[in-house]
C-alpha cells in the first residue's frame, strides 16, 4: 500500500469541501488545457450522488500547511452497478504531481472496489473503470497497474464566428423550448430511451435525472429544445453557459426518428442560441465509438476534436 509524503493527509470529503474541491478541479482543467477552464462536472452533483459513499468510497488528500494549493487530490468511487462496473473519478492537483498522490488514491480505490466485488450479481463481471487524459499522471499510473484502454471519449469544439443559418427540420416535426412543470416527464423518458444503447448506460430514476439536469444553478430552460412529432417527444437537446463558453450537455434522438436530419437540426438550433448570446466556443463530449454515428454528425457541422480521454478498464476478479 502506497503512503503519502510527510505533511500530506487524507480524509473523507464533505459538502463543506465542495467550493475548494471545485476550485481544484478547475485548476487541473486549466493546466491540462493550457487556458482558463471550468471543469465540466459539477462536484456538488457528485457529492449528492447516492451511488457514491462519501464516507467509505471517497478520499480527499490535503496538502501540507502553507502549500499554495491546499487540496492535493481527490478520488470518488461510484457503484457498484448492476452490470458489474465501478467507476472512478481521480484528480491530482498539478502542484502536487510526482509525489505519489495518484498511486495512493488508486490503492484506496482498488482496495475498496475489491471488497465490494462480492456484492455483484452472479454472472456479472466486476470491473473498475477510470477516465483519464493520455499523458496525465493518473493515466500513467493506472496503466502501470494493469488498466487497459477500451474506449475513447472526445471533447469537441466549434468556434462560432456568426449565427449559423436556420436549421432544416424534418417534415412533421415541431420544436419548442422546454415548458417547465409540463414537459419534464416526457423529455426524461425520451432521453433514457435514446441513450439506452450508449456505452455504460444505466437507467436513472426520474428524481435523479431531475437533480442532474434541472436542479442546477446554471439550468436555463431557454437552452433546452424539444422536438415533437404530434404528442411524442422525438428528440431533445440541452445546453448551458459558463465563463469559458457554451456546452451542449445532451443531444438525444429516439431511434424511430434517426437518419432524418433531426439531430443535426437540433445541434444547429443550439449553436444559434449560443451565438445570439455572444457565446463563441461551444463544446460537447462524445463517445468516440458511439454506434449511432454521433461523431460523424458533429464533424459534419464543423466541430473538431479538442481533447481525448481514454476509458481504462481493469477486471476485479
Protein backbone atom coordinates (compact mmCIF):
# COMPACT_ATOMS: atom_id res chain seq x y z
CA UNK A 1 0.00 0.00 0.00
CA UNK A 2 1.42 3.39 -1.01
CA UNK A 3 1.89 6.15 1.53
CA UNK A 4 1.75 9.92 1.26
CA UNK A 5 4.77 12.20 1.79
CA UNK A 6 5.21 13.88 5.17
CA UNK A 7 2.71 16.64 5.80
CA UNK A 8 0.00 15.25 3.49
CA UNK A 9 -3.19 13.85 4.91
CA UNK A 10 -6.30 12.00 3.76
CA UNK A 11 -9.89 12.09 4.90
CA UNK A 12 -13.40 11.61 3.53
CA UNK A 13 -14.68 14.71 1.72
CA UNK A 14 -17.75 16.52 2.99
CA UNK A 15 -20.15 19.04 1.44
CA UNK A 16 -18.08 21.75 3.13
CA UNK A 17 -15.26 20.87 0.69
CA UNK A 18 -17.29 21.50 -2.47
CA UNK A 19 -16.09 25.05 -3.12
CA UNK A 20 -12.39 24.28 -2.58
CA UNK A 21 -12.73 20.95 -4.39
CA UNK A 22 -14.34 22.58 -7.43
CA UNK A 23 -11.54 25.14 -7.48
CA UNK A 24 -9.00 22.28 -7.52
CA UNK A 25 -10.81 20.62 -10.43
CA UNK A 26 -10.88 23.91 -12.34
CA UNK A 27 -7.13 24.35 -11.81
CA UNK A 28 -6.49 20.80 -13.06
CA UNK A 29 -8.60 21.52 -16.13
CA UNK A 30 -6.75 24.77 -16.78
CA UNK A 31 -3.36 23.05 -16.53
CA UNK A 32 -4.40 20.30 -18.95
CA UNK A 33 -5.97 22.69 -21.48
CA UNK A 34 -3.41 25.47 -21.38
CA UNK A 35 -6.14 28.07 -20.88
CA UNK A 36 -8.51 29.04 -18.06
CA UNK A 37 -11.26 26.44 -17.96
CA UNK A 38 -14.04 25.33 -15.67
CA UNK A 39 -14.42 21.64 -15.02
CA UNK A 40 -17.36 20.18 -16.90
CA UNK A 41 -18.51 18.11 -13.94
CA UNK A 42 -20.20 19.76 -11.00
CA UNK A 43 -18.74 18.48 -7.76
CA UNK A 44 -21.92 19.36 -5.87
CA UNK A 45 -23.83 16.91 -8.06
CA UNK A 46 -21.27 14.16 -7.48
CA UNK A 47 -21.27 14.68 -3.72
CA UNK A 48 -25.06 14.24 -3.70
CA UNK A 49 -24.96 11.10 -5.87
CA UNK A 50 -26.44 8.19 -3.89
CA UNK A 51 -24.07 5.80 -5.71
CA UNK A 52 -21.03 7.50 -4.11
CA UNK A 53 -20.39 6.72 -0.46
CA UNK A 54 -18.53 9.82 0.71
CA UNK A 55 -17.53 8.22 3.99
CA UNK A 56 -16.12 4.97 2.64
CA UNK A 57 -15.77 5.39 -1.12
CA UNK A 58 -14.23 8.86 -1.46
CA UNK A 59 -10.83 10.20 -0.44
CA UNK A 60 -9.61 13.79 -0.24
CA UNK A 61 -5.85 14.34 0.01
CA UNK A 62 -4.85 17.51 1.83
CA UNK A 63 -1.54 19.28 1.30
CA UNK A 64 0.98 20.32 3.95
CA UNK A 65 0.30 23.55 5.82
CA UNK A 66 1.33 26.59 3.83
CA UNK A 67 1.08 24.93 0.41
CA UNK A 68 -0.23 27.21 -2.33
CA UNK A 69 -2.79 24.54 -3.29
CA UNK A 70 -4.36 23.22 -0.06
CA UNK A 71 -6.01 20.22 -1.75
CA UNK A 72 -3.71 17.75 -3.48
CA UNK A 73 -6.07 15.12 -4.83
CA UNK A 74 -9.48 13.51 -4.82
CA UNK A 75 -10.91 10.11 -5.76
CA UNK A 76 -14.60 9.23 -5.98
CA UNK A 77 -15.74 5.62 -6.43
CA UNK A 78 -19.18 5.24 -7.99
CA UNK A 79 -21.05 1.95 -7.81
CA UNK A 80 -21.27 -0.96 -7.92
CA UNK A 81 -23.67 -1.06 -10.87
CA UNK A 82 -25.96 -3.98 -11.65
CA UNK A 83 -23.82 -4.86 -14.65
CA UNK A 84 -20.67 -5.06 -12.54
CA UNK A 85 -18.81 -1.82 -13.26
CA UNK A 86 -17.49 0.56 -10.65
CA UNK A 87 -16.29 3.90 -11.97
CA UNK A 88 -13.61 6.18 -10.60
CA UNK A 89 -13.06 9.91 -10.87
CA UNK A 90 -9.42 10.55 -10.00
CA UNK A 91 -7.88 14.03 -9.71
CA UNK A 92 -4.39 15.21 -8.73
CA UNK A 93 -3.63 18.93 -8.49
CA UNK A 94 -0.83 19.98 -10.88
CA UNK A 95 1.09 21.46 -7.96
CA UNK A 96 1.32 18.04 -6.32
CA UNK A 97 2.23 15.78 -9.23
CA UNK A 98 5.11 13.33 -8.85
CA UNK A 99 4.59 12.89 -5.11
CA UNK A 100 2.73 9.59 -5.10
CA UNK A 101 -0.77 11.06 -4.70
CA UNK A 102 -2.19 9.17 -7.69
CA UNK A 103 -0.80 5.83 -6.54
CA UNK A 104 -2.05 6.42 -3.00
CA UNK A 105 -5.56 7.17 -4.24
CA UNK A 106 -5.56 4.22 -6.65
CA UNK A 107 -4.55 1.94 -3.76
CA UNK A 108 -7.54 3.18 -1.77
CA UNK A 109 -9.88 2.80 -4.72
CA UNK A 110 -8.75 -0.71 -5.66
CA UNK A 111 -8.95 -1.96 -2.08
CA UNK A 112 -12.49 -0.63 -1.67
CA UNK A 113 -13.56 -1.96 -5.08
CA UNK A 114 -12.13 -5.42 -4.32
CA UNK A 115 -14.03 -5.51 -1.03
CA UNK A 116 -17.25 -4.68 -2.90
CA UNK A 117 -16.72 -7.21 -5.69
CA UNK A 118 -18.71 -9.79 -3.75
CA UNK A 119 -21.77 -7.53 -3.93
CA UNK A 120 -22.06 -8.04 -7.68
CA UNK A 121 -24.80 -10.23 -9.04
CA UNK A 122 -23.93 -13.75 -10.12
CA UNK A 123 -22.80 -13.81 -13.73
CA UNK A 124 -21.67 -10.20 -13.74
CA UNK A 125 -18.07 -9.20 -14.38
CA UNK A 126 -16.84 -6.80 -11.69
CA UNK A 127 -14.77 -4.14 -13.42
CA UNK A 128 -13.07 -0.94 -12.33
CA UNK A 129 -13.18 1.92 -14.86
CA UNK A 130 -11.17 5.15 -14.92
CA UNK A 131 -11.43 8.08 -17.37
CA UNK A 132 -8.03 9.74 -17.83
CA UNK A 133 -6.27 12.13 -20.21
CA UNK A 134 -3.40 10.42 -22.09
CA UNK A 135 -0.10 11.55 -20.67
CA UNK A 136 -1.55 12.51 -17.30
CA UNK A 137 -0.15 11.05 -14.11
CA UNK A 138 -3.43 9.28 -13.37
CA UNK A 139 -3.37 7.64 -16.81
CA UNK A 140 0.25 6.52 -16.47
CA UNK A 141 -0.25 5.08 -13.01
CA UNK A 142 -3.43 3.27 -14.00
CA UNK A 143 -1.72 1.65 -17.00
CA UNK A 144 1.18 0.59 -14.76
CA UNK A 145 -1.39 -1.21 -12.56
CA UNK A 146 -2.86 -3.24 -15.39
CA UNK A 147 -5.67 -0.99 -16.59
CA UNK A 148 -6.20 -1.22 -20.35
CA UNK A 149 -7.75 1.30 -22.73
CA UNK A 150 -11.09 0.01 -24.01
CA UNK A 151 -12.66 3.14 -25.46
CA UNK A 152 -12.19 6.89 -26.00
CA UNK A 153 -14.26 9.95 -25.26
CA UNK A 154 -13.69 13.14 -27.26
CA UNK A 155 -14.25 16.70 -26.22
CA UNK A 156 -15.29 18.52 -29.39
CA UNK A 157 -15.38 22.24 -30.10
CA UNK A 158 -16.66 24.75 -32.60
CA UNK A 159 -15.91 28.49 -32.63
CA UNK A 160 -18.97 30.36 -33.84
CA UNK A 161 -17.93 33.35 -35.93
CA UNK A 162 -21.54 34.22 -36.73
CA UNK A 163 -25.02 32.90 -36.12
CA UNK A 164 -25.48 29.76 -38.27
CA UNK A 165 -28.28 29.64 -40.87
CA UNK A 166 -31.65 28.42 -39.70
CA UNK A 167 -31.86 24.62 -39.35
CA UNK A 168 -33.93 22.49 -41.73
CA UNK A 169 -36.45 20.48 -39.75
CA UNK A 170 -37.82 17.11 -40.92
CA UNK A 171 -41.44 17.11 -42.08
CA UNK A 172 -43.93 16.84 -39.25
CA UNK A 173 -41.56 17.98 -36.51
CA UNK A 174 -42.49 20.87 -34.23
CA UNK A 175 -39.89 22.35 -31.91
CA UNK A 176 -40.27 24.45 -28.80
CA UNK A 177 -38.36 25.30 -25.65
CA UNK A 178 -38.82 23.18 -22.56
CA UNK A 179 -42.02 24.06 -20.76
CA UNK A 180 -41.21 23.81 -17.06
CA UNK A 181 -43.55 21.74 -14.90
CA UNK A 182 -45.09 20.22 -18.02
CA UNK A 183 -42.62 18.61 -20.42
CA UNK A 184 -40.11 17.09 -18.00
CA UNK A 185 -41.52 13.53 -17.66
CA UNK A 186 -41.82 13.07 -21.43
CA UNK A 187 -38.35 14.52 -22.03
CA UNK A 188 -36.91 12.27 -19.33
CA UNK A 189 -38.44 9.17 -20.93
CA UNK A 190 -37.15 10.16 -24.38
CA UNK A 191 -33.67 10.87 -23.02
CA UNK A 192 -33.49 7.50 -21.26
CA UNK A 193 -34.68 5.64 -24.37
CA UNK A 194 -32.31 7.45 -26.72
CA UNK A 195 -29.25 6.61 -24.60
CA UNK A 196 -30.25 3.01 -23.80
CA UNK A 197 -27.63 1.68 -26.25
CA UNK A 198 -24.93 4.05 -25.07
CA UNK A 199 -21.70 2.70 -23.63
CA UNK A 200 -22.10 2.04 -19.88
CA UNK A 201 -25.72 3.21 -19.89
CA UNK A 202 -27.57 2.59 -16.64
CA UNK A 203 -31.24 3.51 -16.13
CA UNK A 204 -31.63 6.60 -13.96
CA UNK A 205 -34.63 7.24 -11.72
CA UNK A 206 -36.62 10.32 -12.64
CA UNK A 207 -35.76 12.24 -9.46
CA UNK A 208 -32.05 11.59 -10.02
CA UNK A 209 -32.38 12.76 -13.64
CA UNK A 210 -34.06 15.97 -12.46
CA UNK A 211 -31.29 16.59 -9.94
CA UNK A 212 -28.56 16.12 -12.54
CA UNK A 213 -30.22 18.13 -15.30
CA UNK A 214 -32.83 20.57 -13.99
CA UNK A 215 -31.94 21.38 -10.39
CA UNK A 216 -28.64 23.10 -11.12
CA UNK A 217 -27.64 26.74 -10.59
CA UNK A 218 -26.92 27.19 -14.31
CA UNK A 219 -30.09 25.47 -15.55
CA UNK A 220 -31.57 27.53 -18.39
CA UNK A 221 -34.84 26.36 -19.96
CA UNK A 222 -34.15 28.59 -22.98
CA UNK A 223 -31.24 26.30 -23.88
CA UNK A 224 -33.45 23.21 -23.80
CA UNK A 225 -35.07 22.46 -27.16
CA UNK A 226 -37.64 19.69 -27.55
CA UNK A 227 -38.65 18.24 -30.93
CA UNK A 228 -42.22 16.91 -31.05
CA UNK A 229 -43.88 14.62 -33.57
CA UNK A 230 -47.51 15.09 -32.64
CA UNK A 231 -47.71 14.40 -28.91
CA UNK A 232 -44.49 12.35 -28.81
CA UNK A 233 -41.04 13.65 -27.98
CA UNK A 234 -38.86 12.65 -30.92
CA UNK A 235 -35.65 14.27 -29.69
CA UNK A 236 -34.27 16.88 -27.31
CA UNK A 237 -31.15 18.93 -26.78
CA UNK A 238 -29.91 20.87 -23.78
CA UNK A 239 -27.12 23.34 -23.15
CA UNK A 240 -25.50 25.52 -20.52
CA UNK A 241 -23.17 28.52 -20.43
CA UNK A 242 -20.04 29.02 -18.34
CA UNK A 243 -17.37 31.69 -18.44
CA UNK A 244 -15.30 29.57 -20.84
CA UNK A 245 -18.06 29.08 -23.41
CA UNK A 246 -21.14 27.04 -24.12
CA UNK A 247 -21.71 23.34 -23.58
CA UNK A 248 -24.17 21.09 -25.37
CA UNK A 249 -24.90 18.88 -22.39
CA UNK A 250 -27.12 16.41 -24.19
CA UNK A 251 -28.39 15.58 -27.68
CA UNK A 252 -30.85 12.70 -27.68
CA UNK A 253 -32.74 11.39 -30.72
CA UNK A 254 -35.04 8.41 -30.33
CA UNK A 255 -34.37 5.53 -32.73
CA UNK A 256 -37.55 5.87 -34.89
CA UNK A 257 -36.56 9.46 -35.75
CA UNK A 258 -32.88 8.90 -36.56
CA UNK A 259 -31.27 9.29 -40.01
CA UNK A 260 -33.69 12.11 -40.89
CA UNK A 261 -31.52 15.12 -40.09
CA UNK A 262 -33.20 15.80 -36.76
CA UNK A 263 -30.02 15.58 -34.68
CA UNK A 264 -28.21 18.00 -36.97
CA UNK A 265 -31.13 20.45 -36.92
CA UNK A 266 -31.25 20.40 -33.11
CA UNK A 267 -27.50 20.93 -32.86
CA UNK A 268 -27.59 23.88 -35.26
CA UNK A 269 -30.51 25.36 -33.30
CA UNK A 270 -28.41 25.13 -30.12
CA UNK A 271 -25.49 26.82 -31.90
CA UNK A 272 -27.81 29.65 -32.94
CA UNK A 273 -28.99 30.10 -29.35
CA UNK A 274 -25.39 30.35 -28.14
CA UNK A 275 -24.43 32.73 -30.95
CA UNK A 276 -27.30 35.07 -30.09
CA UNK A 277 -25.85 35.31 -26.58
CA UNK A 278 -22.40 36.10 -27.93
CA UNK A 279 -21.02 32.72 -26.81
CA UNK A 280 -18.24 31.85 -29.25
CA UNK A 281 -16.68 28.49 -28.30
CA UNK A 282 -19.18 25.66 -27.90
CA UNK A 283 -18.18 22.19 -26.75
CA UNK A 284 -19.65 18.77 -26.17
CA UNK A 285 -18.47 15.30 -25.20
CA UNK A 286 -18.98 12.21 -27.35
CA UNK A 287 -18.19 8.54 -27.07
CA UNK A 288 -15.75 8.10 -29.97
CA UNK A 289 -17.15 4.64 -30.74
CA UNK A 290 -20.79 5.70 -30.44
CA UNK A 291 -22.80 3.34 -32.72
CA UNK A 292 -25.36 5.99 -33.69
CA UNK A 293 -22.93 7.99 -35.85
CA UNK A 294 -22.81 10.94 -33.44
CA UNK A 295 -19.12 11.63 -34.09
CA UNK A 296 -19.67 11.95 -37.84
CA UNK A 297 -22.62 14.28 -37.21
CA UNK A 298 -20.55 16.61 -35.05
CA UNK A 299 -17.75 16.69 -37.58
CA UNK A 300 -20.24 17.40 -40.36
CA UNK A 301 -21.45 20.58 -38.64
CA UNK A 302 -17.90 21.85 -38.21
CA UNK A 303 -16.86 20.59 -34.78
CA UNK A 304 -13.33 19.34 -34.20
CA UNK A 305 -11.73 17.10 -31.59
CA UNK A 306 -10.08 19.26 -28.96
CA UNK A 307 -9.19 16.66 -26.31
CA UNK A 308 -9.23 12.91 -25.84
CA UNK A 309 -9.95 10.90 -22.74
CA UNK A 310 -9.18 7.19 -22.54
CA UNK A 311 -11.58 4.83 -20.81
CA UNK A 312 -9.34 2.49 -18.82
CA UNK A 313 -10.70 -0.80 -17.51
CA UNK A 314 -9.44 -3.49 -15.12
CA UNK A 315 -11.27 -6.67 -14.06
CA UNK A 316 -11.63 -7.11 -10.32
CA UNK A 317 -11.52 -10.90 -10.36
